[in-house]
PDB file of all heavy atoms in Angstrom:
ATOM      1  N   MET A   1     168.559 108.467  49.111  1.00  0.00           N
ATOM      2  CA  MET A   1     168.977 107.490  48.071  1.00  0.00           C
ATOM      3  C   MET A   1     170.201 106.676  48.641  1.00  0.00           C
ATOM      4  O   MET A   1     171.365 106.836  48.213  1.00  0.00           O
ATOM      5  CB  MET A   1     169.411 108.234  46.790  1.00  0.00           C
ATOM      6  CG  MET A   1     169.313 107.362  45.561  1.00  0.00           C
ATOM      7  SD  MET A   1     169.610 108.389  44.002  1.00  0.00           S
ATOM      8  CE  MET A   1     168.098 109.205  43.929  1.00  0.00           C
ATOM      9  N   PRO A   2     169.936 105.753  49.523  1.00  0.00           N
ATOM     10  CA  PRO A   2     170.993 104.955  50.109  1.00  0.00           C
ATOM     11  C   PRO A   2     171.815 104.202  49.049  1.00  0.00           C
ATOM     12  O   PRO A   2     171.218 103.664  48.138  1.00  0.00           O
ATOM     13  CB  PRO A   2     170.278 103.924  51.027  1.00  0.00           C
ATOM     14  CG  PRO A   2     168.949 104.571  51.283  1.00  0.00           C
ATOM     15  CD  PRO A   2     168.615 105.382  49.975  1.00  0.00           C
ATOM     16  N   GLY A   3     173.154 104.264  49.252  1.00  0.00           N
ATOM     17  CA  GLY A   3     174.008 103.535  48.221  1.00  0.00           C
ATOM     18  C   GLY A   3     174.422 104.252  47.068  1.00  0.00           C
ATOM     19  O   GLY A   3     175.276 103.910  46.225  1.00  0.00           O
ATOM     20  N   TYR A   4     173.879 105.529  46.848  1.00  0.00           N
ATOM     21  CA  TYR A   4     174.249 106.283  45.718  1.00  0.00           C
ATOM     22  C   TYR A   4     175.725 106.621  45.769  1.00  0.00           C
ATOM     23  O   TYR A   4     176.238 106.926  46.782  1.00  0.00           O
ATOM     24  CB  TYR A   4     173.465 107.592  45.610  1.00  0.00           C
ATOM     25  CG  TYR A   4     173.457 108.216  44.315  1.00  0.00           C
ATOM     26  CD1 TYR A   4     172.819 107.795  43.203  1.00  0.00           C
ATOM     27  CD2 TYR A   4     174.279 109.342  44.113  1.00  0.00           C
ATOM     28  CE1 TYR A   4     172.936 108.388  41.957  1.00  0.00           C
ATOM     29  CE2 TYR A   4     174.456 109.960  42.905  1.00  0.00           C
ATOM     30  CZ  TYR A   4     173.748 109.558  41.784  1.00  0.00           C
ATOM     31  OH  TYR A   4     173.853 110.163  40.539  1.00  0.00           O
ATOM     32  N   PHE A   5     176.397 106.562  44.682  1.00  0.00           N
ATOM     33  CA  PHE A   5     177.869 106.596  44.690  1.00  0.00           C
ATOM     34  C   PHE A   5     178.331 107.968  45.049  1.00  0.00           C
ATOM     35  O   PHE A   5     179.338 108.118  45.758  1.00  0.00           O
ATOM     36  CB  PHE A   5     178.418 106.248  43.343  1.00  0.00           C
ATOM     37  CG  PHE A   5     179.885 106.291  43.287  1.00  0.00           C
ATOM     38  CD1 PHE A   5     180.684 105.228  43.842  1.00  0.00           C
ATOM     39  CD2 PHE A   5     180.649 107.372  42.743  1.00  0.00           C
ATOM     40  CE1 PHE A   5     182.115 105.300  43.930  1.00  0.00           C
ATOM     41  CE2 PHE A   5     182.036 107.435  42.694  1.00  0.00           C
ATOM     42  CZ  PHE A   5     182.710 106.403  43.310  1.00  0.00           C
ATOM     43  N   LEU A   6     177.753 109.086  44.642  1.00  0.00           N
ATOM     44  CA  LEU A   6     178.330 110.416  44.859  1.00  0.00           C
ATOM     45  C   LEU A   6     177.456 111.152  45.810  1.00  0.00           C
ATOM     46  O   LEU A   6     176.315 111.404  45.602  1.00  0.00           O
ATOM     47  CB  LEU A   6     178.383 111.146  43.541  1.00  0.00           C
ATOM     48  CG  LEU A   6     179.157 112.522  43.566  1.00  0.00           C
ATOM     49  CD1 LEU A   6     180.693 112.303  43.783  1.00  0.00           C
ATOM     50  CD2 LEU A   6     178.959 113.254  42.197  1.00  0.00           C
ATOM     51  N   ASN A   7     177.964 111.578  47.022  1.00  0.00           N
ATOM     52  CA  ASN A   7     177.142 112.091  48.092  1.00  0.00           C
ATOM     53  C   ASN A   7     177.484 113.527  48.508  1.00  0.00           C
ATOM     54  O   ASN A   7     176.681 114.213  49.107  1.00  0.00           O
ATOM     55  CB  ASN A   7     177.258 111.212  49.368  1.00  0.00           C
ATOM     56  CG  ASN A   7     176.898 109.757  49.091  1.00  0.00           C
ATOM     57  OD1 ASN A   7     177.556 108.916  49.419  1.00  0.00           O
ATOM     58  ND2 ASN A   7     175.712 109.538  48.504  1.00  0.00           N
ATOM     59  N   THR A   8     178.606 114.048  48.217  1.00  0.00           N
ATOM     60  CA  THR A   8     179.046 115.394  48.706  1.00  0.00           C
ATOM     61  C   THR A   8     179.747 116.199  47.666  1.00  0.00           C
ATOM     62  O   THR A   8     180.340 115.648  46.721  1.00  0.00           O
ATOM     63  CB  THR A   8     180.053 115.222  49.858  1.00  0.00           C
ATOM     64  OG1 THR A   8     181.318 114.694  49.442  1.00  0.00           O
ATOM     65  CG2 THR A   8     179.466 114.344  50.996  1.00  0.00           C
ATOM     66  N   SER A   9     179.685 117.479  47.836  1.00  0.00           N
ATOM     67  CA  SER A   9     180.362 118.420  46.852  1.00  0.00           C
ATOM     68  C   SER A   9     181.886 118.185  46.884  1.00  0.00           C
ATOM     69  O   SER A   9     182.563 118.254  45.937  1.00  0.00           O
ATOM     70  CB  SER A   9     180.088 119.822  47.222  1.00  0.00           C
ATOM     71  OG  SER A   9     180.501 120.202  48.506  1.00  0.00           O
ATOM     72  N   THR A  10     182.436 117.846  48.071  1.00  0.00           N
ATOM     73  CA  THR A  10     183.865 117.553  48.211  1.00  0.00           C
ATOM     74  C   THR A  10     184.287 116.378  47.327  1.00  0.00           C
ATOM     75  O   THR A  10     185.169 116.431  46.605  1.00  0.00           O
ATOM     76  CB  THR A  10     184.206 117.220  49.634  1.00  0.00           C
ATOM     77  OG1 THR A  10     183.882 118.386  50.484  1.00  0.00           O
ATOM     78  CG2 THR A  10     185.733 116.916  49.814  1.00  0.00           C
ATOM     79  N   ALA A  11     183.438 115.264  47.408  1.00  0.00           N
ATOM     80  CA  ALA A  11     183.697 114.084  46.617  1.00  0.00           C
ATOM     81  C   ALA A  11     183.447 114.477  45.104  1.00  0.00           C
ATOM     82  O   ALA A  11     184.256 113.985  44.152  1.00  0.00           O
ATOM     83  CB  ALA A  11     182.735 112.942  46.971  1.00  0.00           C
ATOM     84  N   GLY A  12     182.467 115.338  44.834  1.00  0.00           N
ATOM     85  CA  GLY A  12     182.278 115.689  43.405  1.00  0.00           C
ATOM     86  C   GLY A  12     183.418 116.419  42.892  1.00  0.00           C
ATOM     87  O   GLY A  12     183.834 116.282  41.670  1.00  0.00           O
ATOM     88  N   ARG A  13     184.029 117.388  43.628  1.00  0.00           N
ATOM     89  CA  ARG A  13     185.189 118.024  43.175  1.00  0.00           C
ATOM     90  C   ARG A  13     186.358 117.122  42.804  1.00  0.00           C
ATOM     91  O   ARG A  13     187.170 117.426  41.952  1.00  0.00           O
ATOM     92  CB  ARG A  13     185.689 119.210  44.152  1.00  0.00           C
ATOM     93  CG  ARG A  13     184.604 120.258  44.246  1.00  0.00           C
ATOM     94  CD  ARG A  13     184.375 121.032  42.994  1.00  0.00           C
ATOM     95  NE  ARG A  13     185.553 121.703  42.410  1.00  0.00           N
ATOM     96  CZ  ARG A  13     185.904 122.912  42.791  1.00  0.00           C
ATOM     97  NH1 ARG A  13     185.281 123.712  43.564  1.00  0.00           N
ATOM     98  NH2 ARG A  13     186.984 123.440  42.236  1.00  0.00           N
ATOM     99  N   LYS A  14     186.518 116.081  43.661  1.00  0.00           N
ATOM    100  CA  LYS A  14     187.623 115.137  43.483  1.00  0.00           C
ATOM    101  C   LYS A  14     187.399 114.425  42.169  1.00  0.00           C
ATOM    102  O   LYS A  14     188.316 114.125  41.398  1.00  0.00           O
ATOM    103  CB  LYS A  14     187.558 114.158  44.647  1.00  0.00           C
ATOM    104  CG  LYS A  14     188.605 112.985  44.508  1.00  0.00           C
ATOM    105  CD  LYS A  14     188.492 111.939  45.602  1.00  0.00           C
ATOM    106  CE  LYS A  14     189.361 110.803  45.342  1.00  0.00           C
ATOM    107  NZ  LYS A  14     189.214 109.646  46.361  1.00  0.00           N
ATOM    108  N   ILE A  15     186.127 113.976  41.862  1.00  0.00           N
ATOM    109  CA  ILE A  15     185.792 113.289  40.652  1.00  0.00           C
ATOM    110  C   ILE A  15     186.053 114.257  39.478  1.00  0.00           C
ATOM    111  O   ILE A  15     186.636 113.838  38.425  1.00  0.00           O
ATOM    112  CB  ILE A  15     184.392 112.852  40.632  1.00  0.00           C
ATOM    113  CG1 ILE A  15     184.224 111.694  41.569  1.00  0.00           C
ATOM    114  CG2 ILE A  15     183.965 112.308  39.287  1.00  0.00           C
ATOM    115  CD1 ILE A  15     184.923 110.412  41.381  1.00  0.00           C
ATOM    116  N   MET A  16     185.613 115.504  39.602  1.00  0.00           N
ATOM    117  CA  MET A  16     185.895 116.479  38.544  1.00  0.00           C
ATOM    118  C   MET A  16     187.449 116.649  38.158  1.00  0.00           C
ATOM    119  O   MET A  16     187.703 116.673  36.974  1.00  0.00           O
ATOM    120  CB  MET A  16     185.248 117.831  38.913  1.00  0.00           C
ATOM    121  CG  MET A  16     183.731 117.879  38.848  1.00  0.00           C
ATOM    122  SD  MET A  16     183.066 119.502  39.399  1.00  0.00           S
ATOM    123  CE  MET A  16     183.696 120.490  38.142  1.00  0.00           C
ATOM    124  N   ALA A  17     188.135 116.696  39.210  1.00  0.00           N
ATOM    125  CA  ALA A  17     189.675 116.801  39.054  1.00  0.00           C
ATOM    126  C   ALA A  17     190.196 115.566  38.256  1.00  0.00           C
ATOM    127  O   ALA A  17     191.053 115.697  37.389  1.00  0.00           O
ATOM    128  CB  ALA A  17     190.384 117.024  40.327  1.00  0.00           C
ATOM    129  N   ALA A  18     189.733 114.429  38.577  1.00  0.00           N
ATOM    130  CA  ALA A  18     190.163 113.179  37.994  1.00  0.00           C
ATOM    131  C   ALA A  18     189.687 113.130  36.468  1.00  0.00           C
ATOM    132  O   ALA A  18     190.424 112.698  35.583  1.00  0.00           O
ATOM    133  CB  ALA A  18     189.642 111.983  38.709  1.00  0.00           C
ATOM    134  N   VAL A  19     188.520 113.519  36.247  1.00  0.00           N
ATOM    135  CA  VAL A  19     187.956 113.472  34.922  1.00  0.00           C
ATOM    136  C   VAL A  19     188.667 114.479  34.027  1.00  0.00           C
ATOM    137  O   VAL A  19     188.978 114.261  32.854  1.00  0.00           O
ATOM    138  CB  VAL A  19     186.450 113.745  34.859  1.00  0.00           C
ATOM    139  CG1 VAL A  19     185.931 113.879  33.461  1.00  0.00           C
ATOM    140  CG2 VAL A  19     185.714 112.676  35.650  1.00  0.00           C
ATOM    141  N   SER A  20     188.872 115.713  34.642  1.00  0.00           N
ATOM    142  CA  SER A  20     189.701 116.735  33.871  1.00  0.00           C
ATOM    143  C   SER A  20     189.152 117.089  32.500  1.00  0.00           C
ATOM    144  O   SER A  20     189.813 117.028  31.527  1.00  0.00           O
ATOM    145  CB  SER A  20     191.158 116.272  33.731  1.00  0.00           C
ATOM    146  OG  SER A  20     191.949 117.377  33.265  1.00  0.00           O
ATOM    147  N   ARG A  21     187.841 117.481  32.545  1.00  0.00           N
ATOM    148  CA  ARG A  21     187.156 117.934  31.287  1.00  0.00           C
ATOM    149  C   ARG A  21     186.615 119.315  31.547  1.00  0.00           C
ATOM    150  O   ARG A  21     185.781 119.359  32.513  1.00  0.00           O
ATOM    151  CB  ARG A  21     186.098 116.939  30.802  1.00  0.00           C
ATOM    152  CG  ARG A  21     186.756 115.585  30.230  1.00  0.00           C
ATOM    153  CD  ARG A  21     187.577 115.761  29.062  1.00  0.00           C
ATOM    154  NE  ARG A  21     188.028 114.481  28.495  1.00  0.00           N
ATOM    155  CZ  ARG A  21     189.067 113.793  28.812  1.00  0.00           C
ATOM    156  NH1 ARG A  21     189.846 114.303  29.841  1.00  0.00           N
ATOM    157  NH2 ARG A  21     189.394 112.697  28.282  1.00  0.00           N
ATOM    158  N   PRO A  22     186.774 120.301  30.728  1.00  0.00           N
ATOM    159  CA  PRO A  22     186.320 121.675  31.127  1.00  0.00           C
ATOM    160  C   PRO A  22     184.674 121.773  31.059  1.00  0.00           C
ATOM    161  O   PRO A  22     184.232 122.704  31.704  1.00  0.00           O
ATOM    162  CB  PRO A  22     186.924 122.571  30.029  1.00  0.00           C
ATOM    163  CG  PRO A  22     187.211 121.660  28.928  1.00  0.00           C
ATOM    164  CD  PRO A  22     187.569 120.288  29.499  1.00  0.00           C
ATOM    165  N   ASN A  23     184.071 120.921  30.399  1.00  0.00           N
ATOM    166  CA  ASN A  23     182.636 120.968  30.301  1.00  0.00           C
ATOM    167  C   ASN A  23     181.892 120.026  31.279  1.00  0.00           C
ATOM    168  O   ASN A  23     180.724 119.751  31.173  1.00  0.00           O
ATOM    169  CB  ASN A  23     182.102 120.636  28.862  1.00  0.00           C
ATOM    170  CG  ASN A  23     182.335 119.162  28.448  1.00  0.00           C
ATOM    171  OD1 ASN A  23     183.426 118.653  28.788  1.00  0.00           O
ATOM    172  ND2 ASN A  23     181.459 118.532  27.804  1.00  0.00           N
ATOM    173  N   LEU A  24     182.655 119.493  32.306  1.00  0.00           N
ATOM    174  CA  LEU A  24     182.111 118.702  33.385  1.00  0.00           C
ATOM    175  C   LEU A  24     181.912 119.731  34.517  1.00  0.00           C
ATOM    176  O   LEU A  24     182.903 120.245  35.072  1.00  0.00           O
ATOM    177  CB  LEU A  24     182.899 117.552  33.782  1.00  0.00           C
ATOM    178  CG  LEU A  24     182.423 116.827  35.120  1.00  0.00           C
ATOM    179  CD1 LEU A  24     181.039 116.217  34.857  1.00  0.00           C
ATOM    180  CD2 LEU A  24     183.349 115.743  35.491  1.00  0.00           C
ATOM    181  N   LYS A  25     180.740 119.908  35.010  1.00  0.00           N
ATOM    182  CA  LYS A  25     180.423 120.794  36.138  1.00  0.00           C
ATOM    183  C   LYS A  25     179.631 120.122  37.206  1.00  0.00           C
ATOM    184  O   LYS A  25     179.144 119.009  37.024  1.00  0.00           O
ATOM    185  CB  LYS A  25     179.624 122.035  35.633  1.00  0.00           C
ATOM    186  CG  LYS A  25     180.363 122.897  34.482  1.00  0.00           C
ATOM    187  CD  LYS A  25     181.521 123.560  35.149  1.00  0.00           C
ATOM    188  CE  LYS A  25     182.259 124.511  34.129  1.00  0.00           C
ATOM    189  NZ  LYS A  25     183.347 125.293  34.713  1.00  0.00           N
ATOM    190  N   LEU A  26     179.536 120.810  38.357  1.00  0.00           N
ATOM    191  CA  LEU A  26     178.794 120.260  39.535  1.00  0.00           C
ATOM    192  C   LEU A  26     177.349 120.768  39.476  1.00  0.00           C
ATOM    193  O   LEU A  26     177.068 121.834  39.254  1.00  0.00           O
ATOM    194  CB  LEU A  26     179.549 120.859  40.767  1.00  0.00           C
ATOM    195  CG  LEU A  26     179.214 120.235  42.154  1.00  0.00           C
ATOM    196  CD1 LEU A  26     179.660 118.788  42.176  1.00  0.00           C
ATOM    197  CD2 LEU A  26     179.842 120.975  43.237  1.00  0.00           C
ATOM    198  N   GLN A  27     176.460 119.746  39.708  1.00  0.00           N
ATOM    199  CA  GLN A  27     175.108 120.107  39.904  1.00  0.00           C
ATOM    200  C   GLN A  27     174.941 120.180  41.402  1.00  0.00           C
ATOM    201  O   GLN A  27     174.934 119.289  42.090  1.00  0.00           O
ATOM    202  CB  GLN A  27     174.274 119.018  39.301  1.00  0.00           C
ATOM    203  CG  GLN A  27     172.767 119.298  39.311  1.00  0.00           C
ATOM    204  CD  GLN A  27     171.883 118.359  38.454  1.00  0.00           C
ATOM    205  OE1 GLN A  27     172.306 118.041  37.370  1.00  0.00           O
ATOM    206  NE2 GLN A  27     170.805 117.820  39.035  1.00  0.00           N
ATOM    207  N   PHE A  28     174.741 121.479  41.814  1.00  0.00           N
ATOM    208  CA  PHE A  28     174.835 121.810  43.287  1.00  0.00           C
ATOM    209  C   PHE A  28     173.443 121.943  43.772  1.00  0.00           C
ATOM    210  O   PHE A  28     172.823 122.995  43.747  1.00  0.00           O
ATOM    211  CB  PHE A  28     175.582 123.072  43.503  1.00  0.00           C
ATOM    212  CG  PHE A  28     175.953 123.341  44.895  1.00  0.00           C
ATOM    213  CD1 PHE A  28     177.199 123.039  45.355  1.00  0.00           C
ATOM    214  CD2 PHE A  28     175.054 123.978  45.779  1.00  0.00           C
ATOM    215  CE1 PHE A  28     177.492 123.340  46.782  1.00  0.00           C
ATOM    216  CE2 PHE A  28     175.304 124.250  47.102  1.00  0.00           C
ATOM    217  CZ  PHE A  28     176.665 123.909  47.568  1.00  0.00           C
ATOM    218  N   ASP A  29     172.967 120.809  44.346  1.00  0.00           N
ATOM    219  CA  ASP A  29     171.582 120.812  45.002  1.00  0.00           C
ATOM    220  C   ASP A  29     171.673 121.178  46.459  1.00  0.00           C
ATOM    221  O   ASP A  29     172.277 120.511  47.223  1.00  0.00           O
ATOM    222  CB  ASP A  29     170.920 119.416  44.808  1.00  0.00           C
ATOM    223  CG  ASP A  29     169.519 119.356  45.143  1.00  0.00           C
ATOM    224  OD1 ASP A  29     169.161 119.902  46.222  1.00  0.00           O
ATOM    225  OD2 ASP A  29     168.702 118.826  44.387  1.00  0.00           O
TER     226      ASP A  29
END
């Protein structure tokens, strides 16, 4: 999926920290 905004678990954790909501979780494929 070229151009997709979120590509790595590392980036996902960064976004989760910024959102700071307890019900936001990582879909780990």
